[in-house]
Amino acid sequence: EIAETEMYRSMGLPYSEAFQKLNCFPIRAEYYNSYLHPAKLDDEMEISIWISHWGTTSFTISFSFEKKGTKIILAKGYCRLVCVSIEDKQKVKIPELLRSSLQQFTILD
C-alpha cells in the first residue's frame, strides 16, 4: 500500500486529494500474493509496482518485492481494483484523469 500511495503522489494525485478530484474510489476487489523466499529482520527490500491490466471499471496493480542488491524475489502478486462512485458506491468507468495519470506505470502482462 505504501508503494501504491507513493505512485499516486508521484503523478500529482496524493491520496488526500485524489479521490475527491476523481469523484470515485478504487476499492480492492481481489488480492493475491505469493511468498517465494523468506525475508529476515532488517532486510532491505526494493518494491516494484506497475499497472498490468486495464478494464473498463477495474485495473490491476502488480508488485514484486526483491531483496535489495540481489535478484532474489521475496514475494510477488497483484491487486485488482474496481472504481466505485463516492456517493453511492456503485461501479463506475475508470476516470480518464486516473487512466492517463497511471499510464506511465503500465506494463501489460
PDB file of N, CA and C in Angstrom:
ATOM      1  N   GLU A   1       0.820  -1.203   0.000  1.00  0.00           N
ATOM      2  CA  GLU A   1       0.000   0.000   0.000  1.00  0.00           C
ATOM      3  C   GLU A   1       0.859   1.261   0.000  1.00  0.00           C
ATOM      4  N   ILE A   2       2.009   1.203   0.641  1.00  0.00           N
ATOM      5  CA  ILE A   2       2.891   2.371   0.655  1.00  0.00           C
ATOM      6  C   ILE A   2       3.371   2.667  -0.760  1.00  0.00           C
ATOM      7  N   ALA A   3       3.743   1.630  -1.521  1.00  0.00           N
ATOM      8  CA  ALA A   3       4.189   1.836  -2.897  1.00  0.00           C
ATOM      9  C   ALA A   3       3.059   2.420  -3.738  1.00  0.00           C
ATOM     10  N   GLU A   4       1.834   1.950  -3.517  1.00  0.00           N
ATOM     11  CA  GLU A   4       0.682   2.482  -4.246  1.00  0.00           C
ATOM     12  C   GLU A   4       0.454   3.949  -3.892  1.00  0.00           C
ATOM     13  N   THR A   5       0.541   4.277  -2.624  1.00  0.00           N
ATOM     14  CA  THR A   5       0.386   5.664  -2.180  1.00  0.00           C
ATOM     15  C   THR A   5       1.428   6.556  -2.827  1.00  0.00           C
ATOM     16  N   GLU A   6       2.669   6.086  -2.888  1.00  0.00           N
ATOM     17  CA  GLU A   6       3.750   6.862  -3.496  1.00  0.00           C
ATOM     18  C   GLU A   6       3.553   7.000  -5.006  1.00  0.00           C
ATOM     19  N   MET A   7       2.990   5.976  -5.635  1.00  0.00           N
ATOM     20  CA  MET A   7       2.712   6.054  -7.068  1.00  0.00           C
ATOM     21  C   MET A   7       1.712   7.184  -7.329  1.00  0.00           C
ATOM     22  N   TYR A   8       0.644   7.235  -6.541  1.00  0.00           N
ATOM     23  CA  TYR A   8      -0.349   8.306  -6.690  1.00  0.00           C
ATOM     24  C   TYR A   8       0.298   9.679  -6.437  1.00  0.00           C
ATOM     25  N   ARG A   9       1.115   9.771  -5.398  1.00  0.00           N
ATOM     26  CA  ARG A   9       1.764  11.043  -5.074  1.00  0.00           C
ATOM     27  C   ARG A   9       2.667  11.504  -6.221  1.00  0.00           C
ATOM     28  N   SER A  10       3.404  10.558  -6.827  1.00  0.00           N
ATOM     29  CA  SER A  10       4.338  10.919  -7.894  1.00  0.00           C
ATOM     30  C   SER A  10       3.641  11.426  -9.144  1.00  0.00           C
ATOM     31  N   MET A  11       2.380  11.096  -9.332  1.00  0.00           N
ATOM     32  CA  MET A  11       1.662  11.571 -10.512  1.00  0.00           C
ATOM     33  C   MET A  11       0.802  12.790 -10.208  1.00  0.00           C
ATOM     34  N   GLY A  12       1.018  13.387  -9.015  1.00  0.00           N
ATOM     35  CA  GLY A  12       0.318  14.615  -8.661  1.00  0.00           C
ATOM     36  C   GLY A  12      -1.086  14.412  -8.126  1.00  0.00           C
ATOM     37  N   LEU A  13      -1.403  13.196  -7.691  1.00  0.00           N
ATOM     38  CA  LEU A  13      -2.706  12.898  -7.107  1.00  0.00           C
ATOM     39  C   LEU A  13      -2.526  12.230  -5.742  1.00  0.00           C
ATOM     40  N   PRO A  14      -2.023  12.983  -4.748  1.00  0.00           N
ATOM     41  CA  PRO A  14      -1.842  12.358  -3.434  1.00  0.00           C
ATOM     42  C   PRO A  14      -3.184  11.860  -2.887  1.00  0.00           C
ATOM     43  N   TYR A  15      -3.131  10.767  -2.120  1.00  0.00           N
ATOM     44  CA  TYR A  15      -4.350  10.171  -1.571  1.00  0.00           C
ATOM     45  C   TYR A  15      -5.272  11.199  -0.916  1.00  0.00           C
ATOM     46  N   SER A  16      -4.689  12.185  -0.249  1.00  0.00           N
ATOM     47  CA  SER A  16      -5.501  13.173   0.465  1.00  0.00           C
ATOM     48  C   SER A  16      -6.396  13.981  -0.469  1.00  0.00           C
ATOM     49  N   GLU A  17      -6.076  14.013  -1.764  1.00  0.00           N
ATOM     50  CA  GLU A  17      -6.848  14.787  -2.743  1.00  0.00           C
ATOM     51  C   GLU A  17      -7.431  13.944  -3.874  1.00  0.00           C
ATOM     52  N   ALA A  18      -6.799  12.820  -4.182  1.00  0.00           N
ATOM     53  CA  ALA A  18      -7.090  12.061  -5.402  1.00  0.00           C
ATOM     54  C   ALA A  18      -8.558  11.705  -5.568  1.00  0.00           C
ATOM     55  N   PHE A  19      -9.163  11.150  -4.571  1.00  0.00           N
ATOM     56  CA  PHE A  19     -10.484  10.561  -4.755  1.00  0.00           C
ATOM     57  C   PHE A  19     -11.586  11.610  -4.823  1.00  0.00           C
ATOM     58  N   GLN A  20     -11.377  12.747  -4.185  1.00  0.00           N
ATOM     59  CA  GLN A  20     -12.329  13.849  -4.349  1.00  0.00           C
ATOM     60  C   GLN A  20     -12.225  14.422  -5.757  1.00  0.00           C
ATOM     61  N   LYS A  21     -11.000  14.551  -6.263  1.00  0.00           N
ATOM     62  CA  LYS A  21     -10.797  15.050  -7.637  1.00  0.00           C
ATOM     63  C   LYS A  21     -11.408  14.096  -8.659  1.00  0.00           C
ATOM     64  N   LEU A  22     -11.270  12.807  -8.420  1.00  0.00           N
ATOM     65  CA  LEU A  22     -11.730  11.794  -9.362  1.00  0.00           C
ATOM     66  C   LEU A  22     -13.214  11.461  -9.201  1.00  0.00           C
ATOM     67  N   ASN A  23     -13.782  11.823  -8.052  1.00  0.00           N
ATOM     68  CA  ASN A  23     -15.166  11.511  -7.696  1.00  0.00           C
ATOM     69  C   ASN A  23     -15.416  10.002  -7.725  1.00  0.00           C
ATOM     70  N   CYS A  24     -14.374   9.246  -7.416  1.00  0.00           N
ATOM     71  CA  CYS A  24     -14.519   7.796  -7.293  1.00  0.00           C
ATOM     72  C   CYS A  24     -13.425   7.293  -6.365  1.00  0.00           C
ATOM     73  N   PHE A  25     -13.590   6.052  -5.989  1.00  0.00           N
ATOM     74  CA  PHE A  25     -12.618   5.427  -5.106  1.00  0.00           C
ATOM     75  C   PHE A  25     -12.322   4.026  -5.635  1.00  0.00           C
ATOM     76  N   PRO A  26     -11.062   3.699  -5.950  1.00  0.00           N
ATOM     77  CA  PRO A  26     -10.736   2.341  -6.380  1.00  0.00           C
ATOM     78  C   PRO A  26     -10.675   1.408  -5.159  1.00  0.00           C
ATOM     79  N   ILE A  27     -11.611   0.472  -5.074  1.00  0.00           N
ATOM     80  CA  ILE A  27     -11.632  -0.462  -3.948  1.00  0.00           C
ATOM     81  C   ILE A  27     -10.975  -1.774  -4.354  1.00  0.00           C
ATOM     82  N   ARG A  28     -10.393  -2.448  -3.389  1.00  0.00           N
ATOM     83  CA  ARG A  28      -9.725  -3.718  -3.648  1.00  0.00           C
ATOM     84  C   ARG A  28     -10.776  -4.825  -3.780  1.00  0.00           C
ATOM     85  N   ALA A  29     -10.840  -5.416  -4.963  1.00  0.00           N
ATOM     86  CA  ALA A  29     -11.806  -6.479  -5.214  1.00  0.00           C
ATOM     87  C   ALA A  29     -11.151  -7.856  -5.109  1.00  0.00           C
ATOM     88  N   GLU A  30      -9.865  -7.910  -5.397  1.00  0.00           N
ATOM     89  CA  GLU A  30      -9.156  -9.192  -5.375  1.00  0.00           C
ATOM     90  C   GLU A  30      -7.703  -8.918  -5.025  1.00  0.00           C
ATOM     91  N   TYR A  31      -7.133  -9.773  -4.215  1.00  0.00           N
ATOM     92  CA  TYR A  31      -5.754  -9.607  -3.790  1.00  0.00           C
ATOM     93  C   TYR A  31      -5.084 -10.975  -3.813  1.00  0.00           C
ATOM     94  N   TYR A  32      -3.914 -11.056  -4.435  1.00  0.00           N
ATOM     95  CA  TYR A  32      -3.163 -12.302  -4.474  1.00  0.00           C
ATOM     96  C   TYR A  32      -1.706 -11.989  -4.176  1.00  0.00           C
ATOM     97  N   ASN A  33      -1.094 -12.839  -3.350  1.00  0.00           N
ATOM     98  CA  ASN A  33       0.311 -12.670  -3.017  1.00  0.00           C
ATOM     99  C   ASN A  33       0.950 -14.042  -2.895  1.00  0.00           C
ATOM    100  N   SER A  34       2.121 -14.174  -3.454  1.00  0.00           N
ATOM    101  CA  SER A  34       2.869 -15.420  -3.365  1.00  0.00           C
ATOM    102  C   SER A  34       4.211 -15.128  -2.704  1.00  0.00           C
ATOM    103  N   TYR A  35       4.454 -15.779  -1.576  1.00  0.00           N
ATOM    104  CA  TYR A  35       5.731 -15.626  -0.886  1.00  0.00           C
ATOM    105  C   TYR A  35       6.697 -16.664  -1.443  1.00  0.00           C
ATOM    106  N   LEU A  36       7.832 -16.207  -1.958  1.00  0.00           N
ATOM    107  CA  LEU A  36       8.771 -17.096  -2.633  1.00  0.00           C
ATOM    108  C   LEU A  36      10.009 -17.412  -1.805  1.00  0.00           C
ATOM    109  N   HIS A  37      10.485 -16.425  -1.050  1.00  0.00           N
ATOM    110  CA  HIS A  37      11.657 -16.589  -0.189  1.00  0.00           C
ATOM    111  C   HIS A  37      11.422 -15.804   1.088  1.00  0.00           C
ATOM    112  N   PRO A  38      11.925 -16.308   2.205  1.00  0.00           N
ATOM    113  CA  PRO A  38      11.724 -15.577   3.458  1.00  0.00           C
ATOM    114  C   PRO A  38      12.589 -14.317   3.536  1.00  0.00           C
ATOM    115  N   ALA A  39      12.031 -13.292   4.111  1.00  0.00           N
ATOM    116  CA  ALA A  39      12.798 -12.085   4.431  1.00  0.00           C
ATOM    117  C   ALA A  39      13.223 -12.197   5.889  1.00  0.00           C
ATOM    118  N   LYS A  40      14.352 -11.630   6.184  1.00  0.00           N
ATOM    119  CA  LYS A  40      14.850 -11.650   7.566  1.00  0.00           C
ATOM    120  C   LYS A  40      14.707 -10.251   8.162  1.00  0.00           C
ATOM    121  N   LEU A  41      14.678 -10.185   9.448  1.00  0.00           N
ATOM    122  CA  LEU A  41      14.578  -8.920  10.153  1.00  0.00           C
ATOM    123  C   LEU A  41      15.654  -7.960   9.657  1.00  0.00           C
ATOM    124  N   ASP A  42      15.242  -6.755   9.326  1.00  0.00           N
ATOM    125  CA  ASP A  42      16.105  -5.687   8.832  1.00  0.00           C
ATOM    126  C   ASP A  42      16.615  -5.887   7.401  1.00  0.00           C
ATOM    127  N   ASP A  43      16.099  -6.885   6.676  1.00  0.00           N
ATOM    128  CA  ASP A  43      16.417  -6.985   5.251  1.00  0.00           C
ATOM    129  C   ASP A  43      15.836  -5.763   4.551  1.00  0.00           C
ATOM    130  N   GLU A  44      16.655  -5.124   3.728  1.00  0.00           N
ATOM    131  CA  GLU A  44      16.143  -4.034   2.910  1.00  0.00           C
ATOM    132  C   GLU A  44      15.560  -4.615   1.636  1.00  0.00           C
ATOM    133  N   MET A  45      14.445  -4.016   1.189  1.00  0.00           N
ATOM    134  CA  MET A  45      13.770  -4.516   0.000  1.00  0.00           C
ATOM    135  C   MET A  45      13.588  -3.408  -1.008  1.00  0.00           C
ATOM    136  N   GLU A  46      13.505  -3.823  -2.267  1.00  0.00           N
ATOM    137  CA  GLU A  46      13.125  -2.923  -3.348  1.00  0.00           C
ATOM    138  C   GLU A  46      11.753  -3.387  -3.810  1.00  0.00           C
ATOM    139  N   ILE A  47      10.806  -2.470  -3.841  1.00  0.00           N
ATOM    140  CA  ILE A  47       9.442  -2.800  -4.222  1.00  0.00           C
ATOM    141  C   ILE A  47       9.158  -2.213  -5.590  1.00  0.00           C
ATOM    142  N   SER A  48       8.715  -3.060  -6.499  1.00  0.00           N
ATOM    143  CA  SER A  48       8.310  -2.606  -7.836  1.00  0.00           C
ATOM    144  C   SER A  48       6.798  -2.715  -7.919  1.00  0.00           C
ATOM    145  N   ILE A  49       6.179  -1.734  -8.559  1.00  0.00           N
ATOM    146  CA  ILE A  49       4.724  -1.700  -8.692  1.00  0.00           C
ATOM    147  C   ILE A  49       4.398  -1.172 -10.082  1.00  0.00           C
ATOM    148  N   TRP A  50       3.416  -1.797 -10.745  1.00  0.00           N
ATOM    149  CA  TRP A  50       3.034  -1.368 -12.089  1.00  0.00           C
ATOM    150  C   TRP A  50       1.590  -1.777 -12.365  1.00  0.00           C
ATOM    151  N   ILE A  51       1.002  -1.122 -13.350  1.00  0.00           N
ATOM    152  CA  ILE A  51      -0.340  -1.479 -13.794  1.00  0.00           C
ATOM    153  C   ILE A  51      -0.168  -2.572 -14.847  1.00  0.00           C
ATOM    154  N   SER A  52      -0.767  -3.742 -14.604  1.00  0.00           N
ATOM    155  CA  SER A  52      -0.584  -4.873 -15.508  1.00  0.00           C
ATOM    156  C   SER A  52      -1.822  -5.187 -16.344  1.00  0.00           C
ATOM    157  N   HIS A  53      -2.937  -4.562 -16.023  1.00  0.00           N
ATOM    158  CA  HIS A  53      -4.159  -4.798 -16.806  1.00  0.00           C
ATOM    159  C   HIS A  53      -5.115  -3.627 -16.639  1.00  0.00           C
ATOM    160  N   TRP A  54      -5.760  -3.243 -17.742  1.00  0.00           N
ATOM    161  CA  TRP A  54      -6.794  -2.211 -17.738  1.00  0.00           C
ATOM    162  C   TRP A  54      -8.116  -2.821 -18.187  1.00  0.00           C
ATOM    163  N   GLY A  55      -9.173  -2.538 -17.465  1.00  0.00           N
ATOM    164  CA  GLY A  55     -10.518  -2.877 -17.882  1.00  0.00           C
ATOM    165  C   GLY A  55     -11.308  -1.594 -18.035  1.00  0.00           C
ATOM    166  N   THR A  56     -12.613  -1.706 -18.097  1.00  0.00           N
ATOM    167  CA  THR A  56     -13.474  -0.530 -18.202  1.00  0.00           C
ATOM    168  C   THR A  56     -13.703   0.116 -16.845  1.00  0.00           C
ATOM    169  N   THR A  57     -13.947  -0.725 -15.818  1.00  0.00           N
ATOM    170  CA  THR A  57     -14.205  -0.217 -14.476  1.00  0.00           C
ATOM    171  C   THR A  57     -13.142  -0.654 -13.474  1.00  0.00           C
ATOM    172  N   SER A  58     -12.217  -1.498 -13.919  1.00  0.00           N
ATOM    173  CA  SER A  58     -11.197  -2.000 -12.998  1.00  0.00           C
ATOM    174  C   SER A  58      -9.816  -1.978 -13.644  1.00  0.00           C
ATOM    175  N   PHE A  59      -8.809  -2.034 -12.788  1.00  0.00           N
ATOM    176  CA  PHE A  59      -7.430  -2.161 -13.244  1.00  0.00           C
ATOM    177  C   PHE A  59      -6.674  -3.003 -12.225  1.00  0.00           C
ATOM    178  N   THR A  60      -5.558  -3.570 -12.677  1.00  0.00           N
ATOM    179  CA  THR A  60      -4.777  -4.454 -11.816  1.00  0.00           C
ATOM    180  C   THR A  60      -3.404  -3.846 -11.573  1.00  0.00           C
ATOM    181  N   ILE A  61      -3.040  -3.797 -10.305  1.00  0.00           N
ATOM    182  CA  ILE A  61      -1.710  -3.362  -9.898  1.00  0.00           C
ATOM    183  C   ILE A  61      -0.918  -4.609  -9.525  1.00  0.00           C
ATOM    184  N   SER A  62       0.193  -4.835 -10.204  1.00  0.00           N
ATOM    185  CA  SER A  62       1.083  -5.951  -9.865  1.00  0.00           C
ATOM    186  C   SER A  62       2.259  -5.413  -9.073  1.00  0.00           C
ATOM    187  N   PHE A  63       2.885  -6.290  -8.305  1.00  0.00           N
ATOM    188  CA  PHE A  63       4.007  -5.851  -7.474  1.00  0.00           C
ATOM    189  C   PHE A  63       4.969  -7.007  -7.255  1.00  0.00           C
ATOM    190  N   SER A  64       6.207  -6.648  -6.943  1.00  0.00           N
ATOM    191  CA  SER A  64       7.188  -7.638  -6.521  1.00  0.00           C
ATOM    192  C   SER A  64       8.103  -7.003  -5.479  1.00  0.00           C
ATOM    193  N   PHE A  65       8.540  -7.838  -4.568  1.00  0.00           N
ATOM    194  CA  PHE A  65       9.459  -7.439  -3.509  1.00  0.00           C
ATOM    195  C   PHE A  65      10.754  -8.191  -3.744  1.00  0.00           C
ATOM    196  N   GLU A  66      11.841  -7.448  -3.913  1.00  0.00           N
ATOM    197  CA  GLU A  66      13.151  -8.042  -4.126  1.00  0.00           C
ATOM    198  C   GLU A  66      14.055  -7.690  -2.959  1.00  0.00           C
ATOM    199  N   LYS A  67      14.884  -8.638  -2.553  1.00  0.00           N
ATOM    200  CA  LYS A  67      15.886  -8.326  -1.537  1.00  0.00           C
ATOM    201  C   LYS A  67      16.863  -7.342  -2.169  1.00  0.00           C
ATOM    202  N   LYS A  68      17.043  -6.196  -1.523  1.00  0.00           N
ATOM    203  CA  LYS A  68      17.854  -5.115  -2.095  1.00  0.00           C
ATOM    204  C   LYS A  68      19.262  -5.601  -2.438  1.00  0.00           C
ATOM    205  N   GLY A  69      19.718  -5.213  -3.637  1.00  0.00           N
ATOM    206  CA  GLY A  69      21.064  -5.535  -4.078  1.00  0.00           C
ATOM    207  C   GLY A  69      21.207  -6.947  -4.618  1.00  0.00           C
ATOM    208  N   THR A  70      20.085  -7.667  -4.737  1.00  0.00           N
ATOM    209  CA  THR A  70      20.122  -9.029  -5.273  1.00  0.00           C
ATOM    210  C   THR A  70      19.042  -9.158  -6.331  1.00  0.00           C
ATOM    211  N   LYS A  71      18.952 -10.303  -6.926  1.00  0.00           N
ATOM    212  CA  LYS A  71      17.858 -10.607  -7.860  1.00  0.00           C
ATOM    213  C   LYS A  71      16.867 -11.568  -7.206  1.00  0.00           C
ATOM    214  N   ILE A  72      16.945 -11.698  -5.880  1.00  0.00           N
ATOM    215  CA  ILE A  72      16.071 -12.631  -5.156  1.00  0.00           C
ATOM    216  C   ILE A  72      14.700 -11.999  -4.970  1.00  0.00           C
ATOM    217  N   ILE A  73      13.686 -12.600  -5.590  1.00  0.00           N
ATOM    218  CA  ILE A  73      12.317 -12.122  -5.424  1.00  0.00           C
ATOM    219  C   ILE A  73      11.734 -12.778  -4.184  1.00  0.00           C
ATOM    220  N   LEU A  74      11.399 -11.955  -3.216  1.00  0.00           N
ATOM    221  CA  LEU A  74      10.850 -12.450  -1.954  1.00  0.00           C
ATOM    222  C   LEU A  74       9.359 -12.747  -2.068  1.00  0.00           C
ATOM    223  N   ALA A  75       8.655 -11.875  -2.781  1.00  0.00           N
ATOM    224  CA  ALA A  75       7.205 -12.040  -2.936  1.00  0.00           C
ATOM    225  C   ALA A  75       6.762 -11.304  -4.189  1.00  0.00           C
ATOM    226  N   LYS A  76       5.644 -11.778  -4.744  1.00  0.00           N
ATOM    227  CA  LYS A  76       5.058 -11.082  -5.880  1.00  0.00           C
ATOM    228  C   LYS A  76       3.559 -11.347  -5.867  1.00  0.00           C
ATOM    229  N   GLY A  77       2.839 -10.462  -6.526  1.00  0.00           N
ATOM    230  CA  GLY A  77       1.398 -10.636  -6.544  1.00  0.00           C
ATOM    231  C   GLY A  77       0.708  -9.525  -7.305  1.00  0.00           C
ATOM    232  N   TYR A  78      -0.591  -9.411  -7.054  1.00  0.00           N
ATOM    233  CA  TYR A  78      -1.378  -8.376  -7.713  1.00  0.00           C
ATOM    234  C   TYR A  78      -2.596  -8.027  -6.874  1.00  0.00           C
ATOM    235  N   CYS A  79      -3.165  -6.892  -7.214  1.00  0.00           N
ATOM    236  CA  CYS A  79      -4.389  -6.426  -6.575  1.00  0.00           C
ATOM    237  C   CYS A  79      -5.282  -5.846  -7.670  1.00  0.00           C
ATOM    238  N   ARG A  80      -6.489  -6.369  -7.803  1.00  0.00           N
ATOM    239  CA  ARG A  80      -7.434  -5.826  -8.790  1.00  0.00           C
ATOM    240  C   ARG A  80      -8.322  -4.827  -8.074  1.00  0.00           C
ATOM    241  N   LEU A  81      -8.365  -3.617  -8.610  1.00  0.00           N
ATOM    242  CA  LEU A  81      -9.160  -2.538  -8.026  1.00  0.00           C
ATOM    243  C   LEU A  81     -10.328  -2.204  -8.936  1.00  0.00           C
ATOM    244  N   VAL A  82     -11.473  -1.970  -8.352  1.00  0.00           N
ATOM    245  CA  VAL A  82     -12.667  -1.584  -9.086  1.00  0.00           C
ATOM    246  C   VAL A  82     -13.039  -0.167  -8.657  1.00  0.00           C
ATOM    247  N   CYS A  83     -13.279   0.710  -9.630  1.00  0.00           N
ATOM    248  CA  CYS A  83     -13.666   2.086  -9.329  1.00  0.00           C
ATOM    249  C   CYS A  83     -15.146   2.136  -8.971  1.00  0.00           C
ATOM    250  N   VAL A  84     -15.433   2.760  -7.830  1.00  0.00           N
ATOM    251  CA  VAL A  84     -16.820   2.952  -7.409  1.00  0.00           C
ATOM    252  C   VAL A  84     -17.053   4.429  -7.136  1.00  0.00           C
ATOM    253  N   SER A  85     -18.288   4.839  -7.307  1.00  0.00           N
ATOM    254  CA  SER A  85     -18.684   6.216  -7.047  1.00  0.00           C
ATOM    255  C   SER A  85     -18.560   6.515  -5.560  1.00  0.00           C
ATOM    256  N   ILE A  86     -18.098   7.699  -5.237  1.00  0.00           N
ATOM    257  CA  ILE A  86     -18.012   8.111  -3.836  1.00  0.00           C
ATOM    258  C   ILE A  86     -19.409   8.199  -3.230  1.00  0.00           C
ATOM    259  N   GLU A  87     -20.388   8.662  -4.010  1.00  0.00           N
ATOM    260  CA  GLU A  87     -21.741   8.875  -3.490  1.00  0.00           C
ATOM    261  C   GLU A  87     -22.475   7.577  -3.180  1.00  0.00           C
ATOM    262  N   ASP A  88     -22.586   6.680  -4.169  1.00  0.00           N
ATOM    263  CA  ASP A  88     -23.436   5.502  -3.965  1.00  0.00           C
ATOM    264  C   ASP A  88     -22.686   4.171  -3.982  1.00  0.00           C
ATOM    265  N   LYS A  89     -21.363   4.215  -4.113  1.00  0.00           N
ATOM    266  CA  LYS A  89     -20.503   3.020  -4.095  1.00  0.00           C
ATOM    267  C   LYS A  89     -20.823   2.025  -5.210  1.00  0.00           C
ATOM    268  N   GLN A  90     -21.400   2.504  -6.308  1.00  0.00           N
ATOM    269  CA  GLN A  90     -21.660   1.665  -7.474  1.00  0.00           C
ATOM    270  C   GLN A  90     -20.481   1.754  -8.440  1.00  0.00           C
ATOM    271  N   LYS A  91     -20.255   0.666  -9.198  1.00  0.00           N
ATOM    272  CA  LYS A  91     -19.156   0.654 -10.161  1.00  0.00           C
ATOM    273  C   LYS A  91     -19.302   1.799 -11.157  1.00  0.00           C
ATOM    274  N   VAL A  92     -18.173   2.430 -11.467  1.00  0.00           N
ATOM    275  CA  VAL A  92     -18.141   3.483 -12.477  1.00  0.00           C
ATOM    276  C   VAL A  92     -16.957   3.234 -13.405  1.00  0.00           C
ATOM    277  N   LYS A  93     -17.032   3.814 -14.591  1.00  0.00           N
ATOM    278  CA  LYS A  93     -15.938   3.741 -15.553  1.00  0.00           C
ATOM    279  C   LYS A  93     -14.705   4.418 -14.941  1.00  0.00           C
ATOM    280  N   ILE A  94     -13.528   3.878 -15.228  1.00  0.00           N
ATOM    281  CA  ILE A  94     -12.290   4.481 -14.731  1.00  0.00           C
ATOM    282  C   ILE A  94     -12.210   5.906 -15.267  1.00  0.00           C
ATOM    283  N   PRO A  95     -12.067   6.909 -14.388  1.00  0.00           N
ATOM    284  CA  PRO A  95     -11.954   8.284 -14.874  1.00  0.00           C
ATOM    285  C   PRO A  95     -10.735   8.458 -15.788  1.00  0.00           C
ATOM    286  N   GLU A  96     -10.899   9.238 -16.836  1.00  0.00           N
ATOM    287  CA  GLU A  96      -9.817   9.458 -17.790  1.00  0.00           C
ATOM    288  C   GLU A  96      -8.580  10.046 -17.110  1.00  0.00           C
ATOM    289  N   LEU A  97      -8.762  10.937 -16.134  1.00  0.00           N
ATOM    290  CA  LEU A  97      -7.627  11.518 -15.407  1.00  0.00           C
ATOM    291  C   LEU A  97      -6.820  10.423 -14.714  1.00  0.00           C
ATOM    292  N   LEU A  98      -7.494   9.468 -14.104  1.00  0.00           N
ATOM    293  CA  LEU A  98      -6.798   8.370 -13.434  1.00  0.00           C
ATOM    294  C   LEU A  98      -6.084   7.487 -14.450  1.00  0.00           C
ATOM    295  N   ARG A  99      -6.780   7.108 -15.520  1.00  0.00           N
ATOM    296  CA  ARG A  99      -6.194   6.248 -16.550  1.00  0.00           C
ATOM    297  C   ARG A  99      -4.969   6.914 -17.180  1.00  0.00           C
ATOM    298  N   SER A 100      -5.098   8.175 -17.558  1.00  0.00           N
ATOM    299  CA  SER A 100      -3.974   8.858 -18.213  1.00  0.00           C
ATOM    300  C   SER A 100      -2.808   9.087 -17.243  1.00  0.00           C
ATOM    301  N   SER A 101      -3.111   9.360 -15.989  1.00  0.00           N
ATOM    302  CA  SER A 101      -2.049   9.573 -14.998  1.00  0.00           C
ATOM    303  C   SER A 101      -1.288   8.289 -14.688  1.00  0.00           C
ATOM    304  N   LEU A 102      -1.995   7.161 -14.668  1.00  0.00           N
ATOM    305  CA  LEU A 102      -1.360   5.881 -14.364  1.00  0.00           C
ATOM    306  C   LEU A 102      -0.701   5.238 -15.585  1.00  0.00           C
ATOM    307  N   GLN A 103      -0.940   5.779 -16.761  1.00  0.00           N
ATOM    308  CA  GLN A 103      -0.406   5.190 -17.993  1.00  0.00           C
ATOM    309  C   GLN A 103       1.106   5.042 -17.937  1.00  0.00           C
ATOM    310  N   GLN A 104       1.797   5.975 -17.299  1.00  0.00           N
ATOM    311  CA  GLN A 104       3.258   5.917 -17.208  1.00  0.00           C
ATOM    312  C   GLN A 104       3.755   4.704 -16.413  1.00  0.00           C
ATOM    313  N   PHE A 105       2.865   4.098 -15.625  1.00  0.00           N
ATOM    314  CA  PHE A 105       3.233   2.937 -14.807  1.00  0.00           C
ATOM    315  C   PHE A 105       2.727   1.631 -15.412  1.00  0.00           C
ATOM    316  N   THR A 106       2.241   1.682 -16.646  1.00  0.00           N
ATOM    317  CA  THR A 106       1.633   0.499 -17.264  1.00  0.00           C
ATOM    318  C   THR A 106       2.651  -0.362 -17.988  1.00  0.00           C
ATOM    319  N   ILE A 107       2.681  -1.631 -17.599  1.00  0.00           N
ATOM    320  CA  ILE A 107       3.438  -2.682 -18.277  1.00  0.00           C
ATOM    321  C   ILE A 107       2.464  -3.854 -18.335  1.00  0.00           C
ATOM    322  N   LEU A 108       1.852  -4.051 -19.480  1.00  0.00           N
ATOM    323  CA  LEU A 108       0.810  -5.076 -19.593  1.00  0.00           C
ATOM    324  C   LEU A 108       1.408  -6.470 -19.599  1.00  0.00           C
ATOM    325  N   ASP A 109       0.775  -7.367 -18.849  1.00  0.00           N
ATOM    326  CA  ASP A 109       1.223  -8.776 -18.788  1.00  0.00           C
ATOM    327  C   ASP A 109       0.801  -9.522 -20.038  1.00  0.00           C
TER     328      ASP A 109
END
